[in-house]
């Protein structure tokens, strides 16, 4: 859990000023201000812990979807993205283990996560500007 939190924090926070943060995007440009974050959270709570440990002032509005990938519908995922322009979407579902180590449960879990990942990407492509950055957390 702590490693995931440090990794997320080190990739986006680069400022000693706690009231305003500065981040670099992949092109080296800096982004200042509070970030609006949508999180499709893992069941263990690692995504929520990472947000809770973010430096003061880094995170603006946050929407956390806690429904498991196996229970989330396409319509619910699309509604979560909505019409808002998110600075960051965190897809934490790949962190969730299957119910058991049985092949059927592993395939069921992975299929649900893969389907939602594809639907999320399709939704973001349909809604230009819906997401500035996308983080997919995996083992």
Protein backbone atom coordinates (compact mmCIF):
# COMPACT_ATOMS: atom_id res chain seq x y z
CA UNK A 1 0.00 0.00 0.00
CA UNK A 2 2.71 2.49 0.95
CA UNK A 3 4.67 1.78 -2.23
CA UNK A 4 1.60 2.50 -4.39
CA UNK A 5 0.99 5.76 -2.50
CA UNK A 6 4.61 6.88 -2.89
CA UNK A 7 4.64 5.94 -6.57
CA UNK A 8 1.47 7.90 -7.33
CA UNK A 9 2.61 10.88 -5.29
CA UNK A 10 6.07 10.95 -6.84
CA UNK A 11 4.70 10.92 -10.37
CA UNK A 12 2.43 13.91 -9.93
CA UNK A 13 3.62 16.15 -7.08
CA UNK A 14 6.67 18.37 -7.52
CA UNK A 15 6.38 21.41 -5.26
CA UNK A 16 7.30 22.50 -1.77
CA UNK A 17 4.40 24.96 -1.72
CA UNK A 18 1.47 23.14 -0.13
CA UNK A 19 -1.13 25.68 -1.26
CA UNK A 20 -0.39 25.23 -4.96
CA UNK A 21 1.15 22.30 -6.77
CA UNK A 22 2.95 22.05 -10.04
CA UNK A 23 2.99 18.93 -12.13
CA UNK A 24 4.76 18.07 -15.31
CA UNK A 25 2.90 16.33 -18.06
CA UNK A 26 4.51 13.94 -20.55
CA UNK A 27 5.66 16.87 -22.69
CA UNK A 28 7.31 18.69 -19.78
CA UNK A 29 4.64 21.40 -19.54
CA UNK A 30 3.61 22.40 -16.04
CA UNK A 31 0.07 22.28 -14.73
CA UNK A 32 -0.88 24.36 -11.69
CA UNK A 33 -3.97 24.27 -9.52
CA UNK A 34 -6.19 21.77 -7.85
CA UNK A 35 -6.83 18.52 -9.68
CA UNK A 36 -10.30 17.04 -10.26
CA UNK A 37 -9.92 13.28 -9.85
CA UNK A 38 -12.21 10.38 -10.76
CA UNK A 39 -11.26 7.09 -9.14
CA UNK A 40 -12.49 3.62 -9.97
CA UNK A 41 -11.28 2.22 -6.66
CA UNK A 42 -9.90 -1.16 -5.75
CA UNK A 43 -11.59 -3.12 -2.96
CA UNK A 44 -8.54 -2.93 -0.66
CA UNK A 45 -8.75 0.86 -0.54
CA UNK A 46 -5.29 1.63 -1.96
CA UNK A 47 -6.68 4.27 -4.30
CA UNK A 48 -8.50 6.05 -1.46
CA UNK A 49 -5.35 5.90 0.70
CA UNK A 50 -3.31 7.50 -2.07
CA UNK A 51 -5.80 10.37 -2.39
CA UNK A 52 -6.01 10.80 1.38
CA UNK A 53 -2.21 11.14 1.55
CA UNK A 54 -1.98 13.64 -1.29
CA UNK A 55 -0.47 16.96 -0.18
CA UNK A 56 -2.96 19.58 0.97
CA UNK A 57 -4.30 21.55 -1.97
CA UNK A 58 -3.33 18.99 -4.61
CA UNK A 59 -6.76 17.41 -5.03
CA UNK A 60 -9.82 19.50 -5.87
CA UNK A 61 -13.05 17.60 -6.39
CA UNK A 62 -12.93 13.83 -6.11
CA UNK A 63 -15.43 11.23 -7.23
CA UNK A 64 -14.77 7.70 -6.03
CA UNK A 65 -16.57 4.72 -7.55
CA UNK A 66 -16.38 1.86 -5.05
CA UNK A 67 -18.68 -0.62 -6.77
CA UNK A 68 -16.61 -3.69 -7.80
CA UNK A 69 -15.78 -4.16 -11.47
CA UNK A 70 -17.86 -7.32 -11.57
CA UNK A 71 -20.96 -5.36 -10.48
CA UNK A 72 -20.48 -2.06 -12.35
CA UNK A 73 -22.55 -1.66 -15.51
CA UNK A 74 -21.54 0.17 -18.67
CA UNK A 75 -24.20 2.79 -17.96
CA UNK A 76 -22.87 3.35 -14.43
CA UNK A 77 -19.32 3.78 -15.72
CA UNK A 78 -20.46 6.27 -18.36
CA UNK A 79 -22.50 8.15 -15.75
CA UNK A 80 -19.46 8.32 -13.44
CA UNK A 81 -17.38 9.93 -16.19
CA UNK A 82 -20.31 12.22 -16.96
CA UNK A 83 -19.73 15.44 -18.86
CA UNK A 84 -17.05 16.79 -16.54
CA UNK A 85 -13.47 17.32 -17.70
CA UNK A 86 -11.35 15.27 -15.27
CA UNK A 87 -7.71 16.17 -14.69
CA UNK A 88 -6.95 12.59 -13.69
CA UNK A 89 -8.85 9.31 -13.87
CA UNK A 90 -7.41 6.47 -11.78
CA UNK A 91 -8.46 2.97 -12.83
CA UNK A 92 -7.66 0.80 -9.82
CA UNK A 93 -9.78 -2.25 -10.67
CA UNK A 94 -6.82 -4.32 -11.93
CA UNK A 95 -5.54 -4.38 -8.33
CA UNK A 96 -8.52 -6.46 -7.19
CA UNK A 97 -7.87 -10.19 -6.85
CA UNK A 98 -10.41 -12.76 -8.01
CA UNK A 99 -12.82 -14.28 -5.48
CA UNK A 100 -10.79 -17.52 -5.41
CA UNK A 101 -7.80 -18.98 -7.22
CA UNK A 102 -10.06 -21.16 -9.34
CA UNK A 103 -9.60 -20.65 -13.08
CA UNK A 104 -13.27 -19.70 -13.53
CA UNK A 105 -13.05 -16.96 -10.89
CA UNK A 106 -9.79 -15.60 -12.30
CA UNK A 107 -11.24 -15.41 -15.82
CA UNK A 108 -14.48 -13.86 -14.51
CA UNK A 109 -12.59 -11.14 -12.62
CA UNK A 110 -10.15 -10.37 -15.44
CA UNK A 111 -12.93 -10.32 -18.03
CA UNK A 112 -14.95 -7.82 -15.98
CA UNK A 113 -11.91 -5.56 -15.50
CA UNK A 114 -10.90 -5.79 -19.17
CA UNK A 115 -14.43 -5.01 -20.34
CA UNK A 116 -14.66 -1.92 -18.11
CA UNK A 117 -11.22 -0.75 -19.22
CA UNK A 118 -12.31 -0.94 -22.86
CA UNK A 119 -15.62 0.79 -22.09
CA UNK A 120 -13.76 3.52 -20.20
CA UNK A 121 -11.45 4.09 -23.16
CA UNK A 122 -14.39 4.14 -25.57
CA UNK A 123 -16.23 6.62 -23.35
CA UNK A 124 -13.20 8.89 -23.18
CA UNK A 125 -12.78 8.76 -26.95
CA UNK A 126 -16.44 9.70 -27.47
CA UNK A 127 -16.22 12.59 -25.02
CA UNK A 128 -13.32 14.68 -26.23
CA UNK A 129 -11.64 16.46 -23.33
CA UNK A 130 -13.21 14.24 -20.65
CA UNK A 131 -9.80 13.22 -19.29
CA UNK A 132 -6.40 14.90 -19.30
CA UNK A 133 -4.49 11.98 -17.76
CA UNK A 134 -5.37 8.32 -17.15
CA UNK A 135 -3.62 6.11 -14.59
CA UNK A 136 -4.14 2.35 -14.68
CA UNK A 137 -2.88 0.62 -11.54
CA UNK A 138 -1.78 -3.00 -11.84
CA UNK A 139 0.27 -5.53 -9.91
